[in-house]
C-alpha atoms as a PDB file:
ATOM      1  CA  UNK A   1       9.956 -15.006  -8.712  1.00  0.00           C
ATOM      2  CA  UNK A   2      13.156 -12.430  -7.268  1.00  0.00           C
ATOM      3  CA  UNK A   3      12.400  -8.911  -6.330  1.00  0.00           C
ATOM      4  CA  UNK A   4      12.923  -6.350  -9.531  1.00  0.00           C
ATOM      5  CA  UNK A   5      16.360  -5.008  -9.226  1.00  0.00           C
ATOM      6  CA  UNK A   6      17.922  -2.346  -6.969  1.00  0.00           C
ATOM      7  CA  UNK A   7      15.770   1.002  -6.970  1.00  0.00           C
ATOM      8  CA  UNK A   8      18.208   3.080  -4.777  1.00  0.00           C
ATOM      9  CA  UNK A   9      18.577   5.056  -8.315  1.00  0.00           C
ATOM     10  CA  UNK A  10      14.831   5.496  -8.817  1.00  0.00           C
ATOM     11  CA  UNK A  11      13.963   9.361  -8.408  1.00  0.00           C
ATOM     12  CA  UNK A  12      11.902   9.256  -4.475  1.00  0.00           C
ATOM     13  CA  UNK A  13       8.117   9.733  -5.217  1.00  0.00           C
ATOM     14  CA  UNK A  14       7.367   9.401  -1.295  1.00  0.00           C
ATOM     15  CA  UNK A  15       9.419  11.408   1.536  1.00  0.00           C
ATOM     16  CA  UNK A  16       8.781  12.120   4.851  1.00  0.00           C
ATOM     17  CA  UNK A  17      11.441  13.880   7.175  1.00  0.00           C
ATOM     18  CA  UNK A  18      11.577  13.554  11.299  1.00  0.00           C
ATOM     19  CA  UNK A  19       7.880  12.216  11.840  1.00  0.00           C
ATOM     20  CA  UNK A  20       6.864  12.791  15.053  1.00  0.00           C
ATOM     21  CA  UNK A  21       3.691  11.607  16.814  1.00  0.00           C
ATOM     22  CA  UNK A  22       2.876  11.498  20.445  1.00  0.00           C
ATOM     23  CA  UNK A  23       0.004   9.952  22.401  1.00  0.00           C
ATOM     24  CA  UNK A  24       0.395  11.824  25.831  1.00  0.00           C
ATOM     25  CA  UNK A  25       3.749  10.531  27.644  1.00  0.00           C
ATOM     26  CA  UNK A  26       3.492   8.174  24.589  1.00  0.00           C
ATOM     27  CA  UNK A  27       5.845   8.835  21.601  1.00  0.00           C
ATOM     28  CA  UNK A  28       5.059   7.082  18.581  1.00  0.00           C
ATOM     29  CA  UNK A  29       6.851   8.676  16.114  1.00  0.00           C
ATOM     30  CA  UNK A  30      10.034   9.286  16.742  1.00  0.00           C
ATOM     31  CA  UNK A  31      11.356  11.567  13.911  1.00  0.00           C
ATOM     32  CA  UNK A  32      11.207   9.413  11.526  1.00  0.00           C
ATOM     33  CA  UNK A  33      12.292   9.073   8.183  1.00  0.00           C
ATOM     34  CA  UNK A  34      10.886   7.433   5.004  1.00  0.00           C
ATOM     35  CA  UNK A  35      11.348   7.603   1.133  1.00  0.00           C
ATOM     36  CA  UNK A  36       9.629   5.859  -0.777  1.00  0.00           C
ATOM     37  CA  UNK A  37      11.024   5.307  -4.751  1.00  0.00           C
ATOM     38  CA  UNK A  38      10.114   4.721  -8.104  1.00  0.00           C
ATOM     39  CA  UNK A  39       9.336   1.584  -9.318  1.00  0.00           C
ATOM     40  CA  UNK A  40       9.869  -0.198  -6.028  1.00  0.00           C
ATOM     41  CA  UNK A  41       7.742  -2.296  -3.781  1.00  0.00           C
ATOM     42  CA  UNK A  42       8.831  -1.189  -0.292  1.00  0.00           C
ATOM     43  CA  UNK A  43       7.962  -3.061   2.894  1.00  0.00           C
ATOM     44  CA  UNK A  44       7.681  -1.887   5.929  1.00  0.00           C
ATOM     45  CA  UNK A  45       8.034  -4.293   8.926  1.00  0.00           C
ATOM     46  CA  UNK A  46       8.230  -3.721  12.736  1.00  0.00           C
ATOM     47  CA  UNK A  47       7.512  -5.578  16.026  1.00  0.00           C
ATOM     48  CA  UNK A  48       4.329  -4.565  18.152  1.00  0.00           C
ATOM     49  CA  UNK A  49       5.100  -0.864  19.906  1.00  0.00           C
ATOM     50  CA  UNK A  50       7.463  -0.281  16.949  1.00  0.00           C
ATOM     51  CA  UNK A  51       5.104   2.796  15.493  1.00  0.00           C
ATOM     52  CA  UNK A  52       4.621   1.174  11.687  1.00  0.00           C
ATOM     53  CA  UNK A  53       1.096   2.003  11.622  1.00  0.00           C
ATOM     54  CA  UNK A  54       1.315   5.628  13.774  1.00  0.00           C
ATOM     55  CA  UNK A  55       3.692   5.760  10.476  1.00  0.00           C
ATOM     56  CA  UNK A  56       1.246   4.517   7.966  1.00  0.00           C
ATOM     57  CA  UNK A  57      -1.659   5.964   9.507  1.00  0.00           C
ATOM     58  CA  UNK A  58       0.452   9.693   8.512  1.00  0.00           C
ATOM     59  CA  UNK A  59       1.771   8.156   4.911  1.00  0.00           C
ATOM     60  CA  UNK A  60      -2.008   7.977   4.512  1.00  0.00           C
ATOM     61  CA  UNK A  61      -3.653  10.888   5.899  1.00  0.00           C
ATOM     62  CA  UNK A  62      -5.414   9.048   8.621  1.00  0.00           C
ATOM     63  CA  UNK A  63      -3.096  10.784  11.226  1.00  0.00           C
ATOM     64  CA  UNK A  64      -1.767  14.367  11.504  1.00  0.00           C
ATOM     65  CA  UNK A  65       1.626  13.779  12.903  1.00  0.00           C
ATOM     66  CA  UNK A  66       2.861  16.716  15.851  1.00  0.00           C
ATOM     67  CA  UNK A  67       6.373  17.529  13.967  1.00  0.00           C
ATOM     68  CA  UNK A  68       8.264  16.404  10.169  1.00  0.00           C
ATOM     69  CA  UNK A  69       6.922  17.012   6.759  1.00  0.00           C
ATOM     70  CA  UNK A  70       5.579  14.806   3.940  1.00  0.00           C
ATOM     71  CA  UNK A  71       6.621  15.524   0.619  1.00  0.00           C
ATOM     72  CA  UNK A  72       5.225  14.272  -2.879  1.00  0.00           C
ATOM     73  CA  UNK A  73       7.750  14.497  -5.803  1.00  0.00           C
ATOM     74  CA  UNK A  74       9.377  16.994  -3.812  1.00  0.00           C
ATOM     75  CA  UNK A  75       6.712  18.906  -2.777  1.00  0.00           C
ATOM     76  CA  UNK A  76       5.561  19.170   0.954  1.00  0.00           C
ATOM     77  CA  UNK A  77       1.739  18.282   0.997  1.00  0.00           C
ATOM     78  CA  UNK A  78      -0.370  18.235   4.270  1.00  0.00           C
ATOM     79  CA  UNK A  79      -2.943  15.801   4.660  1.00  0.00           C
ATOM     80  CA  UNK A  80      -5.907  15.797   7.650  1.00  0.00           C
ATOM     81  CA  UNK A  81      -7.897  12.673   6.254  1.00  0.00           C
ATOM     82  CA  UNK A  82      -7.546   9.797   3.886  1.00  0.00           C
ATOM     83  CA  UNK A  83      -9.463  12.276   1.442  1.00  0.00           C
ATOM     84  CA  UNK A  84      -6.968  14.611   1.192  1.00  0.00           C
ATOM     85  CA  UNK A  85      -4.677  11.539   1.330  1.00  0.00           C
ATOM     86  CA  UNK A  86      -6.654  10.410  -2.372  1.00  0.00           C
ATOM     87  CA  UNK A  87      -6.414  14.099  -3.850  1.00  0.00           C
ATOM     88  CA  UNK A  88      -2.188  14.083  -3.439  1.00  0.00           C
ATOM     89  CA  UNK A  89      -2.795  10.314  -5.610  1.00  0.00           C
ATOM     90  CA  UNK A  90      -2.702   8.073  -2.482  1.00  0.00           C
ATOM     91  CA  UNK A  91      -4.287   5.159  -2.216  1.00  0.00           C
ATOM     92  CA  UNK A  92      -4.786   2.938   0.588  1.00  0.00           C
ATOM     93  CA  UNK A  93      -5.895  -0.847   0.884  1.00  0.00           C
ATOM     94  CA  UNK A  94      -7.311  -1.708   4.224  1.00  0.00           C
ATOM     95  CA  UNK A  95      -6.714  -5.249   6.560  1.00  0.00           C
ATOM     96  CA  UNK A  96     -10.514  -5.162   6.624  1.00  0.00           C
ATOM     97  CA  UNK A  97     -11.119  -4.683   2.441  1.00  0.00           C
ATOM     98  CA  UNK A  98     -13.525  -2.037   2.826  1.00  0.00           C
ATOM     99  CA  UNK A  99     -15.994  -3.441   0.503  1.00  0.00           C
ATOM    100  CA  UNK A 100     -19.405  -4.195   0.276  1.00  0.00           C
ATOM    101  CA  UNK A 101     -20.288  -7.757   0.236  1.00  0.00           C
ATOM    102  CA  UNK A 102     -23.464  -7.443  -1.001  1.00  0.00           C
ATOM    103  CA  UNK A 103     -22.576  -5.049  -4.169  1.00  0.00           C
ATOM    104  CA  UNK A 104     -20.997  -6.041  -7.852  1.00  0.00           C
ATOM    105  CA  UNK A 105     -17.764  -6.226  -8.824  1.00  0.00           C
ATOM    106  CA  UNK A 106     -17.797  -3.167 -10.682  1.00  0.00           C
ATOM    107  CA  UNK A 107     -20.144  -1.175  -7.982  1.00  0.00           C
ATOM    108  CA  UNK A 108     -16.980  -2.091  -6.062  1.00  0.00           C
ATOM    109  CA  UNK A 109     -14.535  -0.496  -7.876  1.00  0.00           C
ATOM    110  CA  UNK A 110     -16.415   2.624  -8.464  1.00  0.00           C
ATOM    111  CA  UNK A 111     -17.552   2.917  -4.719  1.00  0.00           C
ATOM    112  CA  UNK A 112     -17.309   6.533  -3.711  1.00  0.00           C
ATOM    113  CA  UNK A 113     -16.374   7.417  -7.553  1.00  0.00           C
ATOM    114  CA  UNK A 114     -19.467   6.947  -9.271  1.00  0.00           C
ATOM    115  CA  UNK A 115     -19.697   7.780 -12.990  1.00  0.00           C
ATOM    116  CA  UNK A 116     -23.184   9.512 -13.605  1.00  0.00           C
ATOM    117  CA  UNK A 117     -25.000   9.973 -17.260  1.00  0.00           C
ATOM    118  CA  UNK A 118     -24.447  13.216 -18.769  1.00  0.00           C
ATOM    119  CA  UNK A 119     -26.654  16.034 -19.475  1.00  0.00           C
ATOM    120  CA  UNK A 120     -28.632  18.443 -17.322  1.00  0.00           C
ATOM    121  CA  UNK A 121     -32.119  15.735 -16.931  1.00  0.00           C
ATOM    122  CA  UNK A 122     -29.167  13.175 -15.596  1.00  0.00           C
ATOM    123  CA  UNK A 123     -27.333  15.172 -13.546  1.00  0.00           C
ATOM    124  CA  UNK A 124     -30.182  16.562 -11.845  1.00  0.00           C
ATOM    125  CA  UNK A 125     -31.383  13.715 -10.479  1.00  0.00           C
ATOM    126  CA  UNK A 126     -28.294  11.977 -10.797  1.00  0.00           C
ATOM    127  CA  UNK A 127     -28.548   8.800 -12.776  1.00  0.00           C
ATOM    128  CA  UNK A 128     -25.248   6.032 -12.664  1.00  0.00           C
ATOM    129  CA  UNK A 129     -23.763   5.372 -15.458  1.00  0.00           C
ATOM    130  CA  UNK A 130     -23.623   2.085 -15.228  1.00  0.00           C
ATOM    131  CA  UNK A 131     -22.482   1.108 -18.777  1.00  0.00           C
ATOM    132  CA  UNK A 132     -19.753   2.755 -18.573  1.00  0.00           C
ATOM    133  CA  UNK A 133     -18.623   1.793 -15.054  1.00  0.00           C
ATOM    134  CA  UNK A 134     -19.129  -1.948 -15.669  1.00  0.00           C
ATOM    135  CA  UNK A 135     -16.877  -1.344 -19.021  1.00  0.00           C
ATOM    136  CA  UNK A 136     -13.923   0.260 -17.196  1.00  0.00           C
ATOM    137  CA  UNK A 137     -14.257  -2.212 -14.465  1.00  0.00           C
ATOM    138  CA  UNK A 138     -13.724  -4.827 -16.809  1.00  0.00           C
ATOM    139  CA  UNK A 139     -11.101  -2.938 -18.973  1.00  0.00           C
ATOM    140  CA  UNK A 140      -8.993  -2.627 -15.786  1.00  0.00           C
ATOM    141  CA  UNK A 141      -9.182  -5.929 -14.375  1.00  0.00           C
ATOM    142  CA  UNK A 142      -8.112  -7.278 -17.673  1.00  0.00           C
ATOM    143  CA  UNK A 143      -5.525  -4.924 -17.399  1.00  0.00           C
ATOM    144  CA  UNK A 144      -3.692  -5.925 -14.352  1.00  0.00           C
ATOM    145  CA  UNK A 145      -5.115  -9.778 -15.914  1.00  0.00           C
ATOM    146  CA  UNK A 146      -7.369 -10.465 -12.413  1.00  0.00           C
ATOM    147  CA  UNK A 147      -8.850 -13.591 -13.946  1.00  0.00           C
ATOM    148  CA  UNK A 148     -12.887 -12.872 -12.623  1.00  0.00           C
ATOM    149  CA  UNK A 149     -15.378 -14.388 -14.734  1.00  0.00           C
ATOM    150  CA  UNK A 150     -18.318 -11.272 -14.693  1.00  0.00           C
ATOM    151  CA  UNK A 151     -18.049  -8.188 -13.015  1.00  0.00           C
ATOM    152  CA  UNK A 152     -21.842  -7.934 -12.212  1.00  0.00           C
ATOM    153  CA  UNK A 153     -21.388 -11.037  -9.607  1.00  0.00           C
ATOM    154  CA  UNK A 154     -21.675  -9.650  -5.794  1.00  0.00           C
ATOM    155  CA  UNK A 155     -18.366  -8.966  -3.793  1.00  0.00           C
ATOM    156  CA  UNK A 156     -20.564 -11.491  -1.468  1.00  0.00           C
ATOM    157  CA  UNK A 157     -20.191 -14.706  -3.723  1.00  0.00           C
ATOM    158  CA  UNK A 158     -15.913 -14.166  -4.223  1.00  0.00           C
ATOM    159  CA  UNK A 159     -13.126 -15.884  -2.497  1.00  0.00           C
ATOM    160  CA  UNK A 160     -11.005 -14.120   0.066  1.00  0.00           C
ATOM    161  CA  UNK A 161      -8.479 -13.344  -2.329  1.00  0.00           C
ATOM    162  CA  UNK A 162     -10.935 -12.517  -5.219  1.00  0.00           C
ATOM    163  CA  UNK A 163     -12.084  -9.949  -2.999  1.00  0.00           C
ATOM    164  CA  UNK A 164      -8.081  -8.787  -1.742  1.00  0.00           C
ATOM    165  CA  UNK A 165      -7.974  -8.485  -5.542  1.00  0.00           C
ATOM    166  CA  UNK A 166     -10.699  -6.324  -6.058  1.00  0.00           C
ATOM    167  CA  UNK A 167      -9.345  -3.945  -3.099  1.00  0.00           C
ATOM    168  CA  UNK A 168      -6.386  -3.999  -4.855  1.00  0.00           C
ATOM    169  CA  UNK A 169      -7.527  -3.275  -7.968  1.00  0.00           C
ATOM    170  CA  UNK A 170      -9.609  -0.450  -6.888  1.00  0.00           C
ATOM    171  CA  UNK A 171      -6.547   1.404  -5.517  1.00  0.00           C
ATOM    172  CA  UNK A 172      -4.512   0.912  -8.646  1.00  0.00           C
ATOM    173  CA  UNK A 173      -7.053   2.094 -10.778  1.00  0.00           C
ATOM    174  CA  UNK A 174      -7.389   5.333  -8.837  1.00  0.00           C
ATOM    175  CA  UNK A 175      -4.128   6.056  -7.317  1.00  0.00           C
ATOM    176  CA  UNK A 176      -1.596   8.735  -9.379  1.00  0.00           C
ATOM    177  CA  UNK A 177       1.279   8.397  -7.092  1.00  0.00           C
ATOM    178  CA  UNK A 178       1.540   5.338  -4.302  1.00  0.00           C
ATOM    179  CA  UNK A 179      -0.637   2.713  -3.408  1.00  0.00           C
ATOM    180  CA  UNK A 180      -0.517   1.372   0.600  1.00  0.00           C
ATOM    181  CA  UNK A 181      -1.162  -2.028   1.490  1.00  0.00           C
ATOM    182  CA  UNK A 182      -2.268  -2.939   4.688  1.00  0.00           C
ATOM    183  CA  UNK A 183      -1.410  -6.948   5.265  1.00  0.00           C
ATOM    184  CA  UNK A 184      -2.963  -7.664   2.059  1.00  0.00           C
ATOM    185  CA  UNK A 185      -2.505 -11.127   2.478  1.00  0.00           C
ATOM    186  CA  UNK A 186      -3.667 -12.060   5.736  1.00  0.00           C
ATOM    187  CA  UNK A 187      -5.767 -14.701   6.792  1.00  0.00           C
ATOM    188  CA  UNK A 188      -6.011 -15.556   2.981  1.00  0.00           C
ATOM    189  CA  UNK A 189      -4.588 -19.497   2.253  1.00  0.00           C
ATOM    190  CA  UNK A 190      -1.288 -20.109   0.089  1.00  0.00           C
ATOM    191  CA  UNK A 191      -2.918 -20.207  -3.396  1.00  0.00           C
ATOM    192  CA  UNK A 192      -4.875 -17.178  -2.640  1.00  0.00           C
ATOM    193  CA  UNK A 193      -1.659 -15.430  -1.231  1.00  0.00           C
ATOM    194  CA  UNK A 194       0.239 -15.384  -4.227  1.00  0.00           C
ATOM    195  CA  UNK A 195      -2.626 -14.737  -6.378  1.00  0.00           C
ATOM    196  CA  UNK A 196      -2.428 -11.478  -4.778  1.00  0.00           C
ATOM    197  CA  UNK A 197       1.287 -10.943  -3.992  1.00  0.00           C
ATOM    198  CA  UNK A 198       1.072 -11.739  -7.969  1.00  0.00           C
ATOM    199  CA  UNK A 199      -0.952  -8.722  -8.350  1.00  0.00           C
ATOM    200  CA  UNK A 200       0.918  -6.390  -6.574  1.00  0.00           C
ATOM    201  CA  UNK A 201       3.954  -6.906  -8.769  1.00  0.00           C
ATOM    202  CA  UNK A 202       1.744  -6.177 -11.394  1.00  0.00           C
ATOM    203  CA  UNK A 203       0.631  -3.405  -9.981  1.00  0.00           C
ATOM    204  CA  UNK A 204       4.181  -2.213  -9.174  1.00  0.00           C
ATOM    205  CA  UNK A 205       5.063  -3.291 -12.675  1.00  0.00           C
ATOM    206  CA  UNK A 206       2.676  -0.656 -14.112  1.00  0.00           C
ATOM    207  CA  UNK A 207       4.382   1.888 -13.208  1.00  0.00           C
ATOM    208  CA  UNK A 208       2.696   2.401  -9.652  1.00  0.00           C
ATOM    209  CA  UNK A 209       5.481   2.290  -5.837  1.00  0.00           C
ATOM    210  CA  UNK A 210       4.027   0.205  -3.480  1.00  0.00           C
ATOM    211  CA  UNK A 211       4.219   0.361   0.479  1.00  0.00           C
ATOM    212  CA  UNK A 212       3.398  -2.907   1.800  1.00  0.00           C
ATOM    213  CA  UNK A 213       2.549  -3.411   5.533  1.00  0.00           C
ATOM    214  CA  UNK A 214       3.178  -7.245   6.197  1.00  0.00           C
ATOM    215  CA  UNK A 215       4.303  -9.657   9.270  1.00  0.00           C
ATOM    216  CA  UNK A 216       4.824 -12.479   6.844  1.00  0.00           C
ATOM    217  CA  UNK A 217       8.108 -12.611   6.109  1.00  0.00           C
ATOM    218  CA  UNK A 218       8.235 -15.386   3.600  1.00  0.00           C
ATOM    219  CA  UNK A 219       6.260 -12.686   2.130  1.00  0.00           C
ATOM    220  CA  UNK A 220       8.267  -9.870   2.384  1.00  0.00           C
ATOM    221  CA  UNK A 221      11.186 -11.460   1.571  1.00  0.00           C
ATOM    222  CA  UNK A 222       9.558 -12.856  -2.029  1.00  0.00           C
ATOM    223  CA  UNK A 223       7.827  -9.368  -3.120  1.00  0.00           C
ATOM    224  CA  UNK A 224      10.021  -6.268  -1.842  1.00  0.00           C
ATOM    225  CA  UNK A 225      12.947  -4.643  -3.633  1.00  0.00           C
ATOM    226  CA  UNK A 226      13.941  -2.697  -0.199  1.00  0.00           C
ATOM    227  CA  UNK A 227      12.753  -3.440   3.540  1.00  0.00           C
ATOM    228  CA  UNK A 228      12.423  -0.347   5.960  1.00  0.00           C
ATOM    229  CA  UNK A 229      12.569  -2.142   9.663  1.00  0.00           C
ATOM    230  CA  UNK A 230      10.671   0.131  11.946  1.00  0.00           C
ATOM    231  CA  UNK A 231      11.678   0.211  15.660  1.00  0.00           C
ATOM    232  CA  UNK A 232      11.276   2.004  19.388  1.00  0.00           C
ATOM    233  CA  UNK A 233       9.636   4.755  17.144  1.00  0.00           C
ATOM    234  CA  UNK A 234      12.749   4.969  14.657  1.00  0.00           C
ATOM    235  CA  UNK A 235      13.641   3.785  11.210  1.00  0.00           C
ATOM    236  CA  UNK A 236      16.170   1.143  12.580  1.00  0.00           C
ATOM    237  CA  UNK A 237      17.343   0.048   8.316  1.00  0.00           C
ATOM    238  CA  UNK A 238      16.614  -0.030   5.046  1.00  0.00           C
ATOM    239  CA  UNK A 239      17.626  -3.376   4.206  1.00  0.00           C
ATOM    240  CA  UNK A 240      17.793  -5.512   0.719  1.00  0.00           C
ATOM    241  CA  UNK A 241      16.217  -8.520   0.825  1.00  0.00           C
ATOM    242  CA  UNK A 242      18.312 -10.524  -1.946  1.00  0.00           C
ATOM    243  CA  UNK A 243      21.509  -9.669   0.848  1.00  0.00           C
ATOM    244  CA  UNK A 244      20.223 -10.131   3.926  1.00  0.00           C
ATOM    245  CA  UNK A 245      19.247 -13.296   5.501  1.00  0.00           C
ATOM    246  CA  UNK A 246      15.161 -13.363   6.896  1.00  0.00           C
ATOM    247  CA  UNK A 247      16.881 -14.286  10.290  1.00  0.00           C
ATOM    248  CA  UNK A 248      18.818 -11.077  10.501  1.00  0.00           C
ATOM    249  CA  UNK A 249      16.138  -9.276   9.876  1.00  0.00           C
ATOM    250  CA  UNK A 250      14.146 -10.349  12.434  1.00  0.00           C
ATOM    251  CA  UNK A 251      17.330  -9.545  14.734  1.00  0.00           C
ATOM    252  CA  UNK A 252      17.257  -6.222  13.399  1.00  0.00           C
ATOM    253  CA  UNK A 253      13.998  -6.065  13.843  1.00  0.00           C
ATOM    254  CA  UNK A 254      13.069  -6.837  17.798  1.00  0.00           C
ATOM    255  CA  UNK A 255      16.464  -4.819  18.538  1.00  0.00           C
ATOM    256  CA  UNK A 256      18.592  -8.539  18.829  1.00  0.00           C
ATOM    257  CA  UNK A 257      21.339  -6.584  16.095  1.00  0.00           C
ATOM    258  CA  UNK A 258      22.174  -2.991  15.106  1.00  0.00           C
ATOM    259  CA  UNK A 259      22.233  -1.842  11.254  1.00  0.00           C
ATOM    260  CA  UNK A 260      25.923  -1.798  12.168  1.00  0.00           C
ATOM    261  CA  UNK A 261      26.502  -5.196  12.459  1.00  0.00           C
ATOM    262  CA  UNK A 262      25.472  -6.079   9.032  1.00  0.00           C
ATOM    263  CA  UNK A 263      27.478  -6.398   6.100  1.00  0.00           C
ATOM    264  CA  UNK A 264      27.749  -3.329   4.001  1.00  0.00           C
ATOM    265  CA  UNK A 265      25.605  -5.031   1.157  1.00  0.00           C
ATOM    266  CA  UNK A 266      22.558  -5.655   2.965  1.00  0.00           C
ATOM    267  CA  UNK A 267      21.853  -2.196   3.471  1.00  0.00           C
ATOM    268  CA  UNK A 268      20.156   0.471   0.843  1.00  0.00           C
END
């Protein structure tokens, strides 16, 4: 499946202007700009030391930049932690999944957001509303067409791809504005990797823009609508994967080529 049509005319959902982050004498982010538009999957790629991880940490609330600002729907936001990011409607799926293997799928979907039964007595003793969480879990997984047999089975009984689908579905269920995915297909086989990619497409098609961090260039070119190339703490280019080759993209990423050397149609 090819990426969707160009999103260059779509409104900005998330934006960063002039982000700077220093670690002693090392500058990880050197005035980075970033734009995520509605209805797109934006891949972020970069070589080691490019500042890619620092950029994503800043966008997910895990890092406070020294300079610059982050905007959501045109309004500046300030985040000191991933909890703050959640309050702003930003959900992140980390490479290590952050799922609880011994808990059920339904319990994992509501991990940290548990629902409790109504009523004064139930509120006083905080009795979990397991029935409601199960029903909502089934509805949300069905909505994203995730084919898992039972929401009551433990996550540890699932395959790696299915576990990743649970983590992605949890993020999609609660994100209001943005889903950030850090290497979602890492360590997965071809079949399971494709299953996760298809789920990411469905998340995008439900109206949530996705930031995808990946070293897997074939996956980037298969699924991304635009590619943000990070190099030496700056944004080197924004590329159109339908109009640029994978080899030229890697050349820009590694510094063997500059964006100015690419044809105009390759740039977004």
